[in-house]
Protein backbone atom coordinates (compact mmCIF):
# COMPACT_ATOMS: atom_id res chain seq x y z
CA UNK A 1 108.24 88.54 82.86
CA UNK A 2 107.79 91.00 80.03
CA UNK A 3 104.26 91.71 78.97
CA UNK A 4 104.97 91.12 75.29
CA UNK A 5 105.72 87.44 76.00
CA UNK A 6 102.34 86.71 77.51
CA UNK A 7 100.02 85.09 75.04
CA UNK A 8 96.53 83.70 75.36
CA UNK A 9 96.55 80.19 76.70
CA UNK A 10 100.06 80.55 78.12
CA UNK A 11 100.11 78.96 81.63
CA UNK A 12 102.06 82.02 82.79
CA UNK A 13 98.98 84.14 82.21
CA UNK A 14 97.14 82.57 85.15
CA UNK A 15 97.61 84.57 88.30
CA UNK A 16 99.45 83.40 91.38
CA UNK A 17 97.60 80.91 93.60
CA UNK A 18 97.69 82.91 96.81
CA UNK A 19 95.89 80.26 98.88
CA UNK A 20 98.42 77.60 97.86
CA UNK A 21 101.27 79.99 98.65
CA UNK A 22 99.86 80.73 102.12
CA UNK A 23 99.43 77.03 102.87
CA UNK A 24 103.00 76.40 101.73
CA UNK A 25 104.28 79.09 104.11
CA UNK A 26 102.31 77.58 106.99
CA UNK A 27 103.74 74.14 106.27
CA UNK A 28 107.24 75.59 106.20
CA UNK A 29 106.79 77.42 109.51
CA UNK A 30 104.91 74.65 111.33
CA UNK A 31 105.59 71.26 109.69
CA UNK A 32 103.93 69.52 112.63
CA UNK A 33 100.49 70.82 111.62
CA UNK A 34 100.54 68.88 108.33
CA UNK A 35 98.55 65.66 108.40
CA UNK A 36 98.39 63.65 105.16
CA UNK A 37 99.07 66.81 103.20
CA UNK A 38 96.31 68.82 104.90
CA UNK A 39 96.43 71.55 107.58
CA UNK A 40 95.40 70.42 111.07
CA UNK A 41 93.96 73.66 112.50
CA UNK A 42 93.53 72.12 115.93
CA UNK A 43 97.27 71.53 116.04
CA UNK A 44 97.89 75.07 114.77
CA UNK A 45 95.71 76.51 117.55
CA UNK A 46 97.65 74.51 120.13
CA UNK A 47 100.91 75.95 118.81
CA UNK A 48 99.62 79.53 118.86
CA UNK A 49 98.22 79.07 122.37
CA UNK A 50 96.81 82.22 123.97
CA UNK A 51 97.33 84.24 120.78
CA UNK A 52 94.18 82.65 119.30
CA UNK A 53 90.97 84.66 119.90
CA UNK A 54 88.36 82.18 121.12
CA UNK A 55 85.73 84.34 122.83
CA UNK A 56 82.40 85.17 121.24
CA UNK A 57 82.74 88.89 121.92
CA UNK A 58 85.87 90.72 120.81
CA UNK A 59 86.75 93.84 118.85
CA UNK A 60 86.52 93.33 115.11
CA UNK A 61 85.37 95.08 111.97
CA UNK A 62 82.94 93.17 109.80
CA UNK A 63 80.14 93.68 107.30
CA UNK A 64 77.79 91.69 105.07
CA UNK A 65 79.87 89.87 102.46
CA UNK A 66 83.31 90.18 104.10
CA UNK A 67 84.04 86.44 104.02
CA UNK A 68 83.24 86.27 100.31
CA UNK A 69 85.33 89.40 99.64
CA UNK A 70 88.26 87.72 101.38
CA UNK A 71 87.82 84.61 99.24
CA UNK A 72 87.60 86.78 96.13
CA UNK A 73 91.09 88.15 96.81
CA UNK A 74 92.49 84.61 96.95
CA UNK A 75 90.70 83.31 93.87
CA UNK A 76 93.14 82.90 90.93
CA UNK A 77 92.45 84.73 87.69
CA UNK A 78 92.58 83.09 84.29
CA UNK A 79 92.63 86.39 82.44
CA UNK A 80 95.37 87.26 79.95
CA UNK A 81 97.47 90.38 79.58
CA UNK A 82 98.09 91.28 75.93
CA UNK A 83 100.46 93.96 74.65
CA UNK A 84 98.94 96.70 72.49
CA UNK A 85 102.05 97.77 70.60
CA UNK A 86 100.07 99.68 68.00
CA UNK A 87 98.55 101.88 70.72
CA UNK A 88 101.82 102.32 72.60
CA UNK A 89 104.47 105.02 72.58
CA UNK A 90 108.12 103.94 72.32
CA UNK A 91 107.22 100.32 73.10
CA UNK A 92 110.80 99.03 72.69
CA UNK A 93 112.43 101.63 74.96
CA UNK A 94 109.81 102.82 77.46
CA UNK A 95 110.16 101.90 81.12
CA UNK A 96 106.52 102.62 81.87
CA UNK A 97 103.57 100.26 81.70
CA UNK A 98 99.92 101.24 81.36
CA UNK A 99 97.42 98.42 81.87
CA UNK A 100 93.78 98.79 80.92
CA UNK A 101 91.24 96.38 82.39
CA UNK A 102 89.29 95.47 85.49
CA UNK A 103 91.64 96.39 88.31
CA UNK A 104 90.87 93.28 90.39
CA UNK A 105 91.85 91.01 87.50
CA UNK A 106 94.98 93.07 86.81
CA UNK A 107 96.05 93.03 90.45
CA UNK A 108 95.79 89.25 90.44
CA UNK A 109 97.82 88.93 87.25
CA UNK A 110 100.55 91.20 88.65
CA UNK A 111 101.08 88.96 91.69
CA UNK A 112 103.49 86.57 89.94
CA UNK A 113 105.92 89.17 88.65
CA UNK A 114 105.55 92.04 91.10
CA UNK A 115 104.67 90.54 94.51
CA UNK A 116 106.87 92.20 97.14
CA UNK A 117 108.53 94.53 94.61
CA UNK A 118 106.50 97.77 94.65
CA UNK A 119 107.73 100.69 96.77
CA UNK A 120 104.67 102.89 96.53
CA UNK A 121 101.04 102.59 95.43
CA UNK A 122 98.58 105.45 94.98
CA UNK A 123 94.92 104.72 94.33
CA UNK A 124 91.94 107.01 93.81
CA UNK A 125 88.95 104.71 94.41
CA UNK A 126 85.28 105.66 94.12
CA UNK A 127 84.22 107.80 97.08
CA UNK A 128 80.85 106.00 97.22
CA UNK A 129 78.76 109.10 96.64
CA UNK A 130 75.84 107.00 95.44
CA UNK A 131 76.64 107.21 91.74
CA UNK A 132 80.37 106.74 91.30
CA UNK A 133 80.74 102.98 91.05
CA UNK A 134 78.86 99.97 89.83
CA UNK A 135 78.85 96.75 91.82
CA UNK A 136 77.75 93.19 91.25
CA UNK A 137 74.70 92.04 93.19
CA UNK A 138 76.48 88.77 93.90
CA UNK A 139 79.86 87.25 93.19
CA UNK A 140 80.19 85.22 90.03
CA UNK A 141 83.09 84.34 87.77
CA UNK A 142 85.30 87.44 87.68
CA UNK A 143 85.99 87.04 83.96
CA UNK A 144 82.46 88.36 83.42
CA UNK A 145 83.25 91.49 85.35
CA UNK A 146 83.83 93.62 82.28
CA UNK A 147 80.41 92.85 80.85
CA UNK A 148 78.80 93.52 84.21
CA UNK A 149 80.42 96.86 84.97
CA UNK A 150 79.64 98.15 81.50
CA UNK A 151 75.94 97.59 82.12
CA UNK A 152 75.51 94.26 80.36
CA UNK A 153 73.44 91.52 81.94
CA UNK A 154 75.21 88.26 82.71
CA UNK A 155 74.00 84.81 81.67
CA UNK A 156 72.09 84.41 84.94
CA UNK A 157 70.17 87.62 84.37
CA UNK A 158 71.51 89.23 87.54
CA UNK A 159 70.87 92.98 87.55
CA UNK A 160 73.81 95.30 87.83
CA UNK A 161 73.02 98.60 89.56
CA UNK A 162 74.61 101.74 90.88
CA UNK A 163 75.40 101.68 94.58
CA UNK A 164 72.86 104.23 95.87
CA UNK A 165 72.49 105.24 99.51
CA UNK A 166 68.95 103.84 99.48
CA UNK A 167 70.47 100.35 99.31
CA UNK A 168 70.43 98.64 102.70
CA UNK A 169 73.99 97.49 102.15
CA UNK A 170 75.33 100.77 100.84
CA UNK A 171 78.59 100.70 102.83
CA UNK A 172 78.92 96.90 102.67
CA UNK A 173 78.80 96.97 98.86
CA UNK A 174 81.60 99.50 98.79
CA UNK A 175 83.71 97.52 101.27
CA UNK A 176 83.16 94.32 99.28
CA UNK A 177 84.53 96.12 96.25
CA UNK A 178 87.51 97.59 98.13
CA UNK A 179 88.62 94.70 100.35
CA UNK A 180 90.02 92.22 97.78
CA UNK A 181 91.75 95.02 95.86
CA UNK A 182 93.47 96.35 98.97
CA UNK A 183 94.43 92.82 100.02
CA UNK A 184 96.10 92.20 96.65
CA UNK A 185 97.71 95.65 96.66
CA UNK A 186 99.39 94.84 99.99
CA UNK A 187 100.89 91.68 98.49
CA UNK A 188 102.59 93.79 95.80
CA UNK A 189 104.33 96.10 98.28
CA UNK A 190 107.96 95.74 99.33
CA UNK A 191 108.70 95.39 103.04
CA UNK A 192 109.29 99.15 103.18
CA UNK A 193 106.39 99.86 100.80
CA UNK A 194 103.54 102.29 101.40
CA UNK A 195 100.10 102.97 99.96
CA UNK A 196 98.29 106.31 99.58
CA UNK A 197 94.49 106.23 99.18
CA UNK A 198 92.36 109.26 98.30
CA UNK A 199 88.96 109.45 100.03
CA UNK A 200 86.47 111.90 101.53
CA UNK A 201 84.40 111.92 104.74
CA UNK A 202 81.79 109.55 103.33
CA UNK A 203 83.91 106.39 103.65
CA UNK A 204 86.98 107.60 105.57
CA UNK A 205 86.20 105.66 108.75
CA UNK A 206 85.31 102.46 106.90
CA UNK A 207 88.40 102.71 104.72
CA UNK A 208 90.70 103.17 107.70
CA UNK A 209 89.14 100.23 109.56
CA UNK A 210 89.36 98.10 106.43
CA UNK A 211 93.05 98.99 106.08
CA UNK A 212 93.60 98.26 109.79
CA UNK A 213 92.24 94.78 109.05
CA UNK A 214 94.50 94.25 106.03
CA UNK A 215 97.71 96.14 106.89
CA UNK A 216 97.48 96.06 110.70
CA UNK A 217 96.58 99.01 112.89
CA UNK A 218 100.23 99.55 113.84
CA UNK A 219 101.00 100.26 110.18
CA UNK A 220 98.68 103.27 109.95
CA UNK A 221 100.88 106.32 109.38
CA UNK A 222 98.44 109.25 109.16
CA UNK A 223 95.66 110.91 107.18
CA UNK A 224 96.92 113.71 104.96
CA UNK A 225 94.43 116.55 104.63
CA UNK A 226 94.54 117.89 101.07
CA UNK A 227 93.09 121.37 100.66
CA UNK A 228 91.39 120.88 97.30
CA UNK A 229 89.44 124.15 97.09
CA UNK A 230 90.40 127.73 97.79
CA UNK A 231 86.88 128.69 98.89
CA UNK A 232 84.08 126.55 100.38
CA UNK A 233 81.13 125.58 98.15
CA UNK A 234 78.06 127.71 98.91
CA UNK A 235 75.55 124.85 98.55
CA UNK A 236 76.48 123.42 101.98
CA UNK A 237 75.99 124.68 105.53
CA UNK A 238 79.65 123.97 106.20
CA UNK A 239 81.50 123.91 102.90
CA UNK A 240 84.02 121.09 102.45
CA UNK A 241 87.36 122.33 101.18
CA UNK A 242 89.41 119.18 101.67
CA UNK A 243 89.82 115.49 100.89
CA UNK A 244 91.91 112.93 102.73
CA UNK A 245 94.83 110.82 101.57
CA UNK A 246 95.09 107.82 103.89
CA UNK A 247 98.62 106.51 104.34
CA UNK A 248 99.53 102.97 105.45
CA UNK A 249 102.85 101.14 105.38
CA UNK A 250 103.31 97.43 104.81
CA UNK A 251 105.52 97.14 107.89
CA UNK A 252 105.87 99.55 110.77
CA UNK A 253 109.10 101.08 109.57
CA UNK A 254 110.31 104.63 110.25
CA UNK A 255 112.27 104.63 106.98
CA UNK A 256 109.29 104.22 104.66
CA UNK A 257 108.95 107.96 103.99
CA UNK A 258 111.36 110.50 102.59
CA UNK A 259 111.82 114.03 103.91
CA UNK A 260 110.32 116.94 102.04
CA UNK A 261 112.97 118.62 99.86
CA UNK A 262 114.02 122.03 101.15
CA UNK A 263 112.96 124.99 99.05
CA UNK A 264 115.44 127.56 97.78
CA UNK A 265 114.05 129.96 100.37
CA UNK A 266 114.71 127.47 103.18
CA UNK A 267 118.21 126.76 101.89
CA UNK A 268 118.96 130.48 101.73
CA UNK A 269 118.86 130.68 105.56
CA UNK A 270 122.05 128.60 105.68
CA UNK A 271 125.11 130.83 105.19
CA UNK A 272 128.80 130.69 106.05
CA UNK A 273 129.86 134.24 107.03
CA UNK A 274 132.88 133.01 109.04
CA UNK A 275 134.10 130.54 106.37
CA UNK A 276 133.66 127.63 108.74
CA UNK A 277 135.25 124.41 107.37
CA UNK A 278 131.95 122.51 107.87
CA UNK A 279 130.22 124.84 105.44
CA UNK A 280 126.89 126.66 105.55
CA UNK A 281 125.01 127.00 108.83
CA UNK A 282 122.10 128.72 110.53
CA UNK A 283 121.48 129.44 114.20
CA UNK A 284 119.53 127.19 116.56
CA UNK A 285 118.35 127.39 120.16
CA UNK A 286 120.66 126.01 122.87
CA UNK A 287 117.98 126.00 125.59
CA UNK A 288 116.12 122.78 126.33
CA UNK A 289 112.36 122.31 126.60
CA UNK A 290 111.82 121.70 130.32
CA UNK A 291 108.03 121.39 130.27
CA UNK A 292 106.47 118.32 131.86
CA UNK A 293 109.15 117.87 134.53
CA UNK A 294 112.11 117.58 132.17
CA UNK A 295 114.28 120.04 134.11
CA UNK A 296 117.77 118.71 134.82
CA UNK A 297 119.97 120.33 137.46
CA UNK A 298 123.06 118.92 135.76
CA UNK A 299 122.26 121.02 132.69
CA UNK A 300 121.62 124.20 134.69
CA UNK A 301 124.90 126.11 134.55
CA UNK A 302 126.43 129.25 133.01
CA UNK A 303 127.95 129.49 129.54
CA UNK A 304 130.72 132.07 129.38
CA UNK A 305 131.20 134.12 126.24
CA UNK A 306 134.92 133.60 125.40
CA UNK A 307 135.09 137.03 123.77
CA UNK A 308 133.70 139.11 126.65
CA UNK A 309 133.76 136.84 129.71
CA UNK A 310 130.03 137.48 130.25
CA UNK A 311 128.11 134.51 131.71
CA UNK A 312 124.69 133.45 130.40
CA UNK A 313 122.03 131.24 131.98
CA UNK A 314 119.48 129.31 129.95
CA UNK A 315 116.18 131.14 129.44
CA UNK A 316 114.24 127.93 130.12
CA UNK A 317 116.23 126.70 133.14
CA UNK A 318 118.73 124.35 131.51
CA UNK A 319 120.71 123.90 128.33
CA UNK A 320 120.38 121.09 125.78
CA UNK A 321 123.94 119.84 126.33
CA UNK A 322 126.24 119.27 129.31
CA UNK A 323 129.24 121.50 130.03
CA UNK A 324 131.73 119.12 128.41
CA UNK A 325 129.77 119.20 125.16
CA UNK A 326 129.49 123.02 125.27
CA UNK A 327 133.24 123.37 125.77
CA UNK A 328 133.83 121.15 122.75
CA UNK A 329 131.40 123.24 120.64
CA UNK A 330 133.18 126.46 121.66
CA UNK A 331 136.60 125.01 120.82
CA UNK A 332 135.30 123.94 117.38
CA UNK A 333 133.75 127.36 116.72
CA UNK A 334 130.28 125.81 116.61
CA UNK A 335 128.59 128.36 118.88
CA UNK A 336 127.47 131.79 117.66
CA UNK A 337 127.67 134.86 119.91
CA UNK A 338 126.14 137.41 117.54
CA UNK A 339 127.59 139.50 114.73
CA UNK A 340 129.81 141.45 117.11
CA UNK A 341 130.72 138.34 119.15
CA UNK A 342 129.29 139.86 122.34
CA UNK A 343 125.82 138.30 122.45
CA UNK A 344 124.22 135.27 124.13
CA UNK A 345 125.19 131.81 122.80
CA UNK A 346 123.35 130.09 119.99
CA UNK A 347 124.03 126.77 118.29
CA UNK A 348 125.38 126.68 114.76
CA UNK A 349 123.24 124.16 112.87
CA UNK A 350 125.28 123.03 109.88
CA UNK A 351 123.53 122.02 106.68
CA UNK A 352 125.84 119.01 106.43
CA UNK A 353 124.62 117.74 109.82
CA UNK A 354 120.86 118.20 109.53
CA UNK A 355 118.64 115.60 107.93
CA UNK A 356 118.16 115.64 104.18
CA UNK A 357 115.02 117.72 103.84
CA UNK A 358 112.31 118.88 106.23
CA UNK A 359 109.35 117.22 107.95
CA UNK A 360 106.13 116.90 105.98
CA UNK A 361 102.98 118.52 107.30
CA UNK A 362 99.69 116.64 107.61
CA UNK A 363 97.95 119.66 106.04
CA UNK A 364 98.72 119.84 102.33
CA UNK A 365 97.80 123.38 101.38
CA UNK A 366 100.93 123.78 99.24
CA UNK A 367 99.78 121.59 96.33
CA UNK A 368 97.40 122.47 93.45
CA UNK A 369 93.61 122.59 93.89
CA UNK A 370 91.29 120.13 92.15
CA UNK A 371 90.57 122.71 89.44
CA UNK A 372 94.14 122.18 88.28
CA UNK A 373 93.31 118.53 87.56
CA UNK A 374 90.30 119.53 85.47
CA UNK A 375 92.42 122.03 83.55
CA UNK A 376 94.99 119.33 82.82
CA UNK A 377 92.24 117.06 81.50
CA UNK A 378 91.04 119.83 79.20
CA UNK A 379 94.56 120.33 77.84
CA UNK A 380 94.89 116.60 77.10
CA UNK A 381 91.39 115.65 75.93
CA UNK A 382 89.81 118.97 75.00
CA UNK A 383 87.13 118.64 77.74
CA UNK A 384 87.52 118.95 81.50
CA UNK A 385 84.90 116.44 82.64
CA UNK A 386 86.09 113.24 80.97
CA UNK A 387 86.83 111.98 84.51
CA UNK A 388 85.08 112.99 87.74
CA UNK A 389 87.36 114.85 90.14
CA UNK A 390 90.71 114.10 88.42
CA UNK A 391 93.64 114.57 90.79
CA UNK A 392 96.19 117.21 89.77
CA UNK A 393 99.55 115.83 88.71
CA UNK A 394 101.12 118.26 91.23
CA UNK A 395 99.54 116.29 94.09
CA UNK A 396 100.81 112.98 92.72
CA UNK A 397 104.32 114.42 92.29
CA UNK A 398 104.43 115.43 95.97
CA UNK A 399 103.24 111.95 96.99
CA UNK A 400 106.06 110.50 94.90
CA UNK A 401 108.59 112.74 96.63
CA UNK A 402 107.23 111.60 99.99
CA UNK A 403 106.98 107.92 99.22
CA UNK A 404 109.57 106.84 96.66
């Protein structure tokens, strides 16, 4: 569905009815729970048996307004997406789409065309510092959201205010804002899709628990620690130099991430001094890690240097491979005995055999600092503070390499 075909009043402009879709899926899975077109939850509980939590006390994460926030995610939108060709660049040929509007409304409107199709999402939500987002004091028709968040008073005269830490529901207000958006974002992800979320210590725990609720705890990957400052701020007792980037997958899948590309320096360690037919290689350790009771007597033997006849024992107690494998490696010239051929054995690790790239670190101190984001804003807009804490494009590029 191309955006330039969506016009006001077009039935296609109404967002997907998620509740109806969920009910349809239930009916397809368990046709016996349908009674006169309605869901018989008693029958559904009987089918699920012991998997249904029935006790009064059990582990859960909840807050004031959670039920309404869940309903908000399922409520269809009647908003309309309209193309702004006069404000666009290369409208007829671009493959990029920039949508301006309330993100909850937009997420709902994207459900029809993009549900289950997005590989990676990155969001930079308000950190809830007490002044960085405006919330509604109660839930009303979402089409009025624009007027509310821009400081206008709705028809009911409900006051719109900044979420300050003096509010008794300071964290609840933030979670009520986040929950429906994260729920809808999950719907957009492919089965191997992932989401990155920037946050700081203020709401890290609540965000992770909220994501556990939506994505499932087993789909938590890790928290990336982004070193955003070179030196700590001097207005704190312990100066914060980092933010977090929380990473969840839609399904617990080891293939959701991509290895970090090797640098030219890392690639330079692979050479081919003996013109081996498999190509460039570097040396690797043949000894096994025997800590924690992993010693194996079958792997404790001598490797004989074929050039000198000298026998070598493993420095750790046993080798990584059995004798048959070692003999095969020697016959294929895949062991290295030093420049002069008289040394102890090492494994030749061929570039063609190792995985494509290297493992990412949880500590991201190799990407630009937050000052780089401000400098980029100044280059584009002429001022550096048009947005609070803009993320450097260098950080986003690394996330793209990791996730898509």
